[in-house]
Amino acid sequence: MARIFIRLNFDVAKSNKPELLKKLDRLVMESSARSLLDMDVDEANRVISHKMDQCMKQYDVLGDFLYFAERFSEGTVTIDYADTVKMMVSKIMANRDVIRRNIHKL
Protein backbone atom coordinates (compact mmCIF):
# COMPACT_ATOMS: atom_id res chain seq x y z
CA MET A 1 0.00 0.00 0.00
CA ALA A 2 1.29 3.44 -0.91
CA ARG A 3 1.60 5.85 1.96
CA ILE A 4 0.15 9.05 0.53
CA PHE A 5 -0.55 10.90 3.74
CA ILE A 6 1.06 10.85 7.14
CA ARG A 7 -1.36 11.32 10.03
CA LEU A 8 -0.39 14.90 10.85
CA ASN A 9 -0.61 16.11 7.23
CA PHE A 10 -3.95 14.38 6.78
CA ASP A 11 -5.39 15.93 9.93
CA VAL A 12 -4.17 19.38 8.85
CA ALA A 13 -5.72 18.90 5.39
CA LYS A 14 -9.04 17.87 6.94
CA SER A 15 -9.04 20.93 9.20
CA ASN A 16 -7.55 23.62 6.96
CA LYS A 17 -8.04 22.44 3.35
CA PRO A 18 -11.19 20.31 3.18
CA GLU A 19 -11.87 21.58 -0.35
CA LEU A 20 -8.70 19.83 -1.55
CA LEU A 21 -9.82 16.53 -0.07
CA LYS A 22 -13.24 17.00 -1.71
CA LYS A 23 -11.49 17.43 -5.08
CA LEU A 24 -9.50 14.30 -4.37
CA ASP A 25 -12.79 12.51 -3.59
CA ARG A 26 -13.89 13.03 -7.18
CA LEU A 27 -10.72 11.35 -8.41
CA VAL A 28 -10.52 8.35 -6.11
CA MET A 29 -13.99 7.54 -4.81
CA GLU A 30 -16.04 5.13 -6.87
CA SER A 31 -19.24 6.21 -5.22
CA SER A 32 -20.06 9.45 -3.51
CA ALA A 33 -21.36 7.62 -0.44
CA ARG A 34 -18.14 8.32 1.49
CA SER A 35 -15.62 11.09 1.59
CA LEU A 36 -11.96 11.19 2.54
CA LEU A 37 -13.08 13.74 5.14
CA ASP A 38 -14.94 10.92 6.94
CA MET A 39 -11.94 8.56 7.00
CA ASP A 40 -8.89 8.15 9.14
CA VAL A 41 -5.45 8.36 7.55
CA ASP A 42 -5.01 4.59 7.15
CA GLU A 43 -8.33 4.14 5.38
CA ALA A 44 -7.71 7.15 3.13
CA ASN A 45 -4.29 5.79 2.16
CA ARG A 46 -5.84 2.38 1.35
CA VAL A 47 -8.55 3.95 -0.84
CA ILE A 48 -6.08 6.16 -2.72
CA SER A 49 -3.56 3.35 -3.14
CA HIS A 50 -6.26 1.01 -4.48
CA LYS A 51 -7.44 3.63 -6.98
CA MET A 52 -3.87 4.25 -8.14
CA ASP A 53 -3.42 0.52 -8.72
CA GLN A 54 -6.65 0.40 -10.73
CA CYS A 55 -5.77 3.42 -12.86
CA MET A 56 -2.22 2.36 -13.52
CA LYS A 57 -3.34 -1.07 -14.63
CA GLN A 58 -0.57 -1.52 -17.15
CA TYR A 59 2.05 -1.69 -14.38
CA ASP A 60 4.79 -0.29 -16.56
CA VAL A 61 5.90 3.20 -17.48
CA LEU A 62 4.62 3.05 -21.04
CA GLY A 63 1.20 1.78 -19.97
CA ASP A 64 0.90 4.45 -17.30
CA PHE A 65 1.80 7.23 -19.74
CA LEU A 66 -0.61 5.81 -22.33
CA TYR A 67 -3.43 5.74 -19.80
CA PHE A 68 -2.69 9.30 -18.64
CA ALA A 69 -2.51 10.64 -22.20
CA GLU A 70 -5.74 8.92 -23.24
CA ARG A 71 -7.57 10.07 -20.13
CA PHE A 72 -6.58 13.73 -20.05
CA SER A 73 -5.18 14.95 -23.38
CA GLU A 74 -8.25 14.81 -25.66
CA GLY A 75 -6.10 13.04 -28.25
CA THR A 76 -3.46 15.79 -28.38
CA VAL A 77 -0.75 13.51 -26.96
CA THR A 78 0.28 10.38 -28.82
CA ILE A 79 2.60 8.08 -26.93
CA ASP A 80 4.58 5.68 -29.12
CA TYR A 81 6.26 2.45 -28.05
CA ALA A 82 9.61 3.81 -29.24
CA ASP A 83 9.37 6.96 -27.09
CA THR A 84 11.76 7.40 -24.20
CA VAL A 85 10.40 8.58 -20.85
CA LYS A 86 11.89 12.01 -21.57
CA MET A 87 10.01 12.17 -24.89
CA MET A 88 6.74 11.13 -23.22
CA VAL A 89 7.11 13.81 -20.55
CA SER A 90 7.92 16.40 -23.22
CA LYS A 91 4.80 15.48 -25.20
CA ILE A 92 2.65 15.76 -22.10
CA MET A 93 4.21 19.06 -21.04
CA ALA A 94 3.70 20.50 -24.53
CA ASN A 95 -0.04 19.93 -24.00
CA ARG A 96 -0.22 20.83 -20.32
CA ASP A 97 -2.98 23.43 -20.81
CA VAL A 98 -5.36 20.85 -22.27
CA ILE A 99 -4.40 18.31 -19.62
CA ARG A 100 -4.75 20.82 -16.78
CA ARG A 101 -8.20 21.84 -18.06
CA ASN A 102 -9.36 18.22 -18.16
CA ILE A 103 -8.04 17.48 -14.69
CA HIS A 104 -9.83 20.54 -13.31
CA LYS A 105 -13.11 19.32 -14.88
CA LEU A 106 -13.10 16.31 -12.56
C-alpha atoms as a PDB file:
ATOM      1  CA  MET A   1       0.000   0.000   0.000  1.00  0.00           C
ATOM      2  CA  ALA A   2       1.287   3.439  -0.914  1.00  0.00           C
ATOM      3  CA  ARG A   3       1.600   5.852   1.955  1.00  0.00           C
ATOM      4  CA  ILE A   4       0.154   9.051   0.526  1.00  0.00           C
ATOM      5  CA  PHE A   5      -0.553  10.899   3.745  1.00  0.00           C
ATOM      6  CA  ILE A   6       1.055  10.850   7.138  1.00  0.00           C
ATOM      7  CA  ARG A   7      -1.359  11.318  10.026  1.00  0.00           C
ATOM      8  CA  LEU A   8      -0.386  14.901  10.850  1.00  0.00           C
ATOM      9  CA  ASN A   9      -0.608  16.106   7.232  1.00  0.00           C
ATOM     10  CA  PHE A  10      -3.945  14.385   6.775  1.00  0.00           C
ATOM     11  CA  ASP A  11      -5.392  15.928   9.934  1.00  0.00           C
ATOM     12  CA  VAL A  12      -4.170  19.383   8.850  1.00  0.00           C
ATOM     13  CA  ALA A  13      -5.719  18.895   5.394  1.00  0.00           C
ATOM     14  CA  LYS A  14      -9.043  17.867   6.941  1.00  0.00           C
ATOM     15  CA  SER A  15      -9.038  20.934   9.199  1.00  0.00           C
ATOM     16  CA  ASN A  16      -7.552  23.618   6.963  1.00  0.00           C
ATOM     17  CA  LYS A  17      -8.036  22.441   3.354  1.00  0.00           C
ATOM     18  CA  PRO A  18     -11.186  20.311   3.179  1.00  0.00           C
ATOM     19  CA  GLU A  19     -11.873  21.580  -0.354  1.00  0.00           C
ATOM     20  CA  LEU A  20      -8.696  19.826  -1.547  1.00  0.00           C
ATOM     21  CA  LEU A  21      -9.823  16.526  -0.075  1.00  0.00           C
ATOM     22  CA  LYS A  22     -13.235  17.004  -1.707  1.00  0.00           C
ATOM     23  CA  LYS A  23     -11.491  17.431  -5.078  1.00  0.00           C
ATOM     24  CA  LEU A  24      -9.502  14.296  -4.367  1.00  0.00           C
ATOM     25  CA  ASP A  25     -12.794  12.512  -3.585  1.00  0.00           C
ATOM     26  CA  ARG A  26     -13.894  13.028  -7.179  1.00  0.00           C
ATOM     27  CA  LEU A  27     -10.717  11.355  -8.408  1.00  0.00           C
ATOM     28  CA  VAL A  28     -10.524   8.353  -6.111  1.00  0.00           C
ATOM     29  CA  MET A  29     -13.989   7.543  -4.811  1.00  0.00           C
ATOM     30  CA  GLU A  30     -16.041   5.127  -6.874  1.00  0.00           C
ATOM     31  CA  SER A  31     -19.239   6.208  -5.218  1.00  0.00           C
ATOM     32  CA  SER A  32     -20.056   9.446  -3.509  1.00  0.00           C
ATOM     33  CA  ALA A  33     -21.359   7.622  -0.439  1.00  0.00           C
ATOM     34  CA  ARG A  34     -18.144   8.324   1.494  1.00  0.00           C
ATOM     35  CA  SER A  35     -15.617  11.090   1.587  1.00  0.00           C
ATOM     36  CA  LEU A  36     -11.959  11.189   2.542  1.00  0.00           C
ATOM     37  CA  LEU A  37     -13.077  13.736   5.137  1.00  0.00           C
ATOM     38  CA  ASP A  38     -14.941  10.925   6.941  1.00  0.00           C
ATOM     39  CA  MET A  39     -11.943   8.562   6.996  1.00  0.00           C
ATOM     40  CA  ASP A  40      -8.886   8.153   9.142  1.00  0.00           C
ATOM     41  CA  VAL A  41      -5.449   8.362   7.554  1.00  0.00           C
ATOM     42  CA  ASP A  42      -5.005   4.592   7.147  1.00  0.00           C
ATOM     43  CA  GLU A  43      -8.330   4.145   5.383  1.00  0.00           C
ATOM     44  CA  ALA A  44      -7.710   7.154   3.125  1.00  0.00           C
ATOM     45  CA  ASN A  45      -4.291   5.792   2.165  1.00  0.00           C
ATOM     46  CA  ARG A  46      -5.841   2.383   1.352  1.00  0.00           C
ATOM     47  CA  VAL A  47      -8.545   3.950  -0.838  1.00  0.00           C
ATOM     48  CA  ILE A  48      -6.085   6.162  -2.720  1.00  0.00           C
ATOM     49  CA  SER A  49      -3.558   3.353  -3.144  1.00  0.00           C
ATOM     50  CA  HIS A  50      -6.262   1.013  -4.479  1.00  0.00           C
ATOM     51  CA  LYS A  51      -7.441   3.629  -6.982  1.00  0.00           C
ATOM     52  CA  MET A  52      -3.869   4.248  -8.141  1.00  0.00           C
ATOM     53  CA  ASP A  53      -3.421   0.520  -8.719  1.00  0.00           C
ATOM     54  CA  GLN A  54      -6.651   0.404 -10.725  1.00  0.00           C
ATOM     55  CA  CYS A  55      -5.768   3.415 -12.859  1.00  0.00           C
ATOM     56  CA  MET A  56      -2.223   2.358 -13.515  1.00  0.00           C
ATOM     57  CA  LYS A  57      -3.340  -1.066 -14.626  1.00  0.00           C
ATOM     58  CA  GLN A  58      -0.574  -1.522 -17.153  1.00  0.00           C
ATOM     59  CA  TYR A  59       2.047  -1.690 -14.380  1.00  0.00           C
ATOM     60  CA  ASP A  60       4.793  -0.290 -16.557  1.00  0.00           C
ATOM     61  CA  VAL A  61       5.901   3.203 -17.478  1.00  0.00           C
ATOM     62  CA  LEU A  62       4.617   3.049 -21.040  1.00  0.00           C
ATOM     63  CA  GLY A  63       1.205   1.781 -19.972  1.00  0.00           C
ATOM     64  CA  ASP A  64       0.905   4.448 -17.304  1.00  0.00           C
ATOM     65  CA  PHE A  65       1.802   7.234 -19.743  1.00  0.00           C
ATOM     66  CA  LEU A  66      -0.615   5.808 -22.330  1.00  0.00           C
ATOM     67  CA  TYR A  67      -3.429   5.736 -19.799  1.00  0.00           C
ATOM     68  CA  PHE A  68      -2.694   9.295 -18.637  1.00  0.00           C
ATOM     69  CA  ALA A  69      -2.506  10.643 -22.203  1.00  0.00           C
ATOM     70  CA  GLU A  70      -5.736   8.920 -23.241  1.00  0.00           C
ATOM     71  CA  ARG A  71      -7.573  10.067 -20.130  1.00  0.00           C
ATOM     72  CA  PHE A  72      -6.579  13.729 -20.048  1.00  0.00           C
ATOM     73  CA  SER A  73      -5.179  14.949 -23.380  1.00  0.00           C
ATOM     74  CA  GLU A  74      -8.252  14.814 -25.661  1.00  0.00           C
ATOM     75  CA  GLY A  75      -6.100  13.042 -28.250  1.00  0.00           C
ATOM     76  CA  THR A  76      -3.463  15.790 -28.384  1.00  0.00           C
ATOM     77  CA  VAL A  77      -0.746  13.511 -26.955  1.00  0.00           C
ATOM     78  CA  THR A  78       0.281  10.378 -28.821  1.00  0.00           C
ATOM     79  CA  ILE A  79       2.604   8.077 -26.928  1.00  0.00           C
ATOM     80  CA  ASP A  80       4.579   5.676 -29.122  1.00  0.00           C
ATOM     81  CA  TYR A  81       6.260   2.449 -28.051  1.00  0.00           C
ATOM     82  CA  ALA A  82       9.613   3.807 -29.245  1.00  0.00           C
ATOM     83  CA  ASP A  83       9.371   6.959 -27.088  1.00  0.00           C
ATOM     84  CA  THR A  84      11.757   7.399 -24.199  1.00  0.00           C
ATOM     85  CA  VAL A  85      10.398   8.583 -20.853  1.00  0.00           C
ATOM     86  CA  LYS A  86      11.893  12.006 -21.570  1.00  0.00           C
ATOM     87  CA  MET A  87      10.010  12.169 -24.893  1.00  0.00           C
ATOM     88  CA  MET A  88       6.744  11.130 -23.216  1.00  0.00           C
ATOM     89  CA  VAL A  89       7.106  13.805 -20.551  1.00  0.00           C
ATOM     90  CA  SER A  90       7.924  16.400 -23.222  1.00  0.00           C
ATOM     91  CA  LYS A  91       4.805  15.483 -25.196  1.00  0.00           C
ATOM     92  CA  ILE A  92       2.647  15.765 -22.095  1.00  0.00           C
ATOM     93  CA  MET A  93       4.214  19.060 -21.042  1.00  0.00           C
ATOM     94  CA  ALA A  94       3.697  20.499 -24.530  1.00  0.00           C
ATOM     95  CA  ASN A  95      -0.039  19.934 -24.000  1.00  0.00           C
ATOM     96  CA  ARG A  96      -0.223  20.831 -20.322  1.00  0.00           C
ATOM     97  CA  ASP A  97      -2.976  23.433 -20.806  1.00  0.00           C
ATOM     98  CA  VAL A  98      -5.363  20.847 -22.272  1.00  0.00           C
ATOM     99  CA  ILE A  99      -4.398  18.306 -19.624  1.00  0.00           C
ATOM    100  CA  ARG A 100      -4.747  20.822 -16.785  1.00  0.00           C
ATOM    101  CA  ARG A 101      -8.198  21.836 -18.056  1.00  0.00           C
ATOM    102  CA  ASN A 102      -9.358  18.220 -18.160  1.00  0.00           C
ATOM    103  CA  ILE A 103      -8.037  17.475 -14.692  1.00  0.00           C
ATOM    104  CA  HIS A 104      -9.830  20.539 -13.315  1.00  0.00           C
ATOM    105  CA  LYS A 105     -13.106  19.323 -14.878  1.00  0.00           C
ATOM    106  CA  LEU A 106     -13.095  16.307 -12.563  1.00  0.00           C
END
